[in-house]
């Protein structure tokens, strides 16, 4: 999660907070929760809804993520179905799978480099 925090700070946390304020209450909560998902990991739409204490709003979570206007800032590709299948992605599931695989490889490289410097 440290590397994700470093990435987020390069985007300027103040700008991200300003961006999040442009959304309504529930949108803001959903997008903020998705920003917490670590690089190279996934969570389910159901997990996001439960984390927001709204377990019955799974479909709304999925709908909001499908409308994410900032997919390269708010990593909606990290959210999948409860059974582990990809669900959907605005740029197609091939790209979603590619991004998830890429992030796993990046995370592995970061972990190896961090271990080497200890």
Protein backbone atom coordinates (compact mmCIF):
# COMPACT_ATOMS: atom_id res chain seq x y z
CA UNK A 1 0.00 0.00 0.00
CA UNK A 2 3.03 2.26 0.45
CA UNK A 3 3.64 2.37 -3.31
CA UNK A 4 0.00 3.28 -3.91
CA UNK A 5 0.30 6.12 -1.41
CA UNK A 6 3.44 7.34 -3.19
CA UNK A 7 1.58 7.24 -6.51
CA UNK A 8 -1.39 9.09 -5.03
CA UNK A 9 0.83 11.82 -3.60
CA UNK A 10 2.39 12.38 -7.03
CA UNK A 11 -1.10 13.11 -8.30
CA UNK A 12 -1.40 15.77 -5.58
CA UNK A 13 -3.73 14.63 -2.81
CA UNK A 14 -5.36 18.07 -2.69
CA UNK A 15 -6.39 17.76 -6.34
CA UNK A 16 -7.80 14.27 -5.76
CA UNK A 17 -9.82 15.53 -2.78
CA UNK A 18 -11.10 18.42 -4.89
CA UNK A 19 -12.04 15.95 -7.62
CA UNK A 20 -13.89 13.75 -5.10
CA UNK A 21 -15.84 16.76 -3.81
CA UNK A 22 -17.37 17.15 -7.27
CA UNK A 23 -19.38 13.94 -6.69
CA UNK A 24 -22.51 13.51 -4.61
CA UNK A 25 -22.31 11.82 -1.19
CA UNK A 26 -22.65 8.16 -2.19
CA UNK A 27 -20.55 8.53 -5.35
CA UNK A 28 -17.82 10.14 -3.26
CA UNK A 29 -17.94 7.28 -0.75
CA UNK A 30 -17.74 4.63 -3.48
CA UNK A 31 -14.86 6.29 -5.34
CA UNK A 32 -12.99 6.98 -2.08
CA UNK A 33 -13.32 3.33 -1.04
CA UNK A 34 -12.05 2.14 -4.44
CA UNK A 35 -9.01 4.40 -4.04
CA UNK A 36 -8.13 2.35 -0.93
CA UNK A 37 -7.78 -0.92 -2.88
CA UNK A 38 -4.06 -1.67 -3.03
CA UNK A 39 -2.17 -1.92 -6.30
CA UNK A 40 -2.36 -5.43 -7.75
CA UNK A 41 -5.32 -6.46 -5.61
CA UNK A 42 -9.04 -6.72 -6.24
CA UNK A 43 -12.18 -6.39 -4.18
CA UNK A 44 -15.74 -7.26 -5.10
CA UNK A 45 -18.62 -4.88 -5.76
CA UNK A 46 -20.24 -6.55 -2.75
CA UNK A 47 -17.20 -5.77 -0.60
CA UNK A 48 -17.37 -2.08 -1.55
CA UNK A 49 -21.08 -1.95 -0.67
CA UNK A 50 -20.50 -3.72 2.67
CA UNK A 51 -17.59 -1.46 3.55
CA UNK A 52 -19.92 1.50 3.06
CA UNK A 53 -22.53 -0.12 5.34
CA UNK A 54 -24.88 -0.41 2.37
CA UNK A 55 -24.80 -4.15 1.54
CA UNK A 56 -27.97 -3.93 -0.58
CA UNK A 57 -26.51 -1.30 -2.91
CA UNK A 58 -24.20 -3.64 -4.84
CA UNK A 59 -25.86 -2.82 -8.17
CA UNK A 60 -25.58 0.90 -7.51
CA UNK A 61 -21.88 0.47 -6.72
CA UNK A 62 -21.41 -1.38 -10.03
CA UNK A 63 -23.37 1.29 -11.92
CA UNK A 64 -21.36 4.13 -10.41
CA UNK A 65 -18.09 2.40 -11.23
CA UNK A 66 -19.24 1.84 -14.80
CA UNK A 67 -19.73 5.62 -15.03
CA UNK A 68 -16.39 6.51 -13.43
CA UNK A 69 -15.23 9.63 -15.28
CA UNK A 70 -11.63 9.22 -14.06
CA UNK A 71 -10.73 5.54 -14.57
CA UNK A 72 -6.99 6.22 -14.58
CA UNK A 73 -7.19 7.99 -11.22
CA UNK A 74 -9.98 6.02 -9.54
CA UNK A 75 -8.97 2.39 -10.25
CA UNK A 76 -12.40 0.86 -10.90
CA UNK A 77 -10.69 -2.01 -12.75
CA UNK A 78 -9.74 -3.39 -9.30
CA UNK A 79 -13.39 -4.18 -8.55
CA UNK A 80 -14.66 -7.57 -9.68
CA UNK A 81 -17.63 -9.85 -9.13
CA UNK A 82 -17.95 -11.82 -5.87
CA UNK A 83 -17.09 -15.06 -7.68
CA UNK A 84 -13.79 -13.55 -8.85
CA UNK A 85 -14.85 -13.08 -12.46
CA UNK A 86 -14.07 -9.71 -13.99
CA UNK A 87 -17.52 -8.18 -14.26
CA UNK A 88 -17.42 -5.30 -16.70
CA UNK A 89 -15.08 -2.50 -17.67
CA UNK A 90 -15.74 0.58 -19.76
CA UNK A 91 -12.72 -0.16 -21.98
CA UNK A 92 -13.47 -3.88 -22.25
CA UNK A 93 -12.55 -6.87 -20.14
CA UNK A 94 -9.36 -7.58 -22.08
CA UNK A 95 -7.94 -4.26 -20.88
CA UNK A 96 -9.27 -4.86 -17.35
CA UNK A 97 -7.46 -8.20 -17.20
CA UNK A 98 -4.33 -6.64 -18.69
CA UNK A 99 -4.31 -3.84 -16.08
CA UNK A 100 -4.80 -6.27 -13.20
CA UNK A 101 -2.01 -8.53 -14.47
CA UNK A 102 0.27 -5.53 -15.04
CA UNK A 103 -0.35 -4.25 -11.51
CA UNK A 104 0.48 -7.67 -10.04
CA UNK A 105 3.78 -7.68 -11.94
CA UNK A 106 4.54 -4.11 -10.84
CA UNK A 107 3.77 -5.00 -7.23
CA UNK A 108 6.09 -8.01 -7.45
CA UNK A 109 8.92 -5.86 -8.84
CA UNK A 110 8.40 -3.28 -6.10
CA UNK A 111 8.42 -5.98 -3.42
CA UNK A 112 11.61 -7.55 -4.80
CA UNK A 113 13.35 -4.17 -5.01
CA UNK A 114 12.22 -3.26 -1.48
CA UNK A 115 13.55 -6.57 -0.13
CA UNK A 116 16.90 -6.01 -1.88
CA UNK A 117 17.34 -2.63 -0.20
CA UNK A 118 16.76 -3.87 3.33
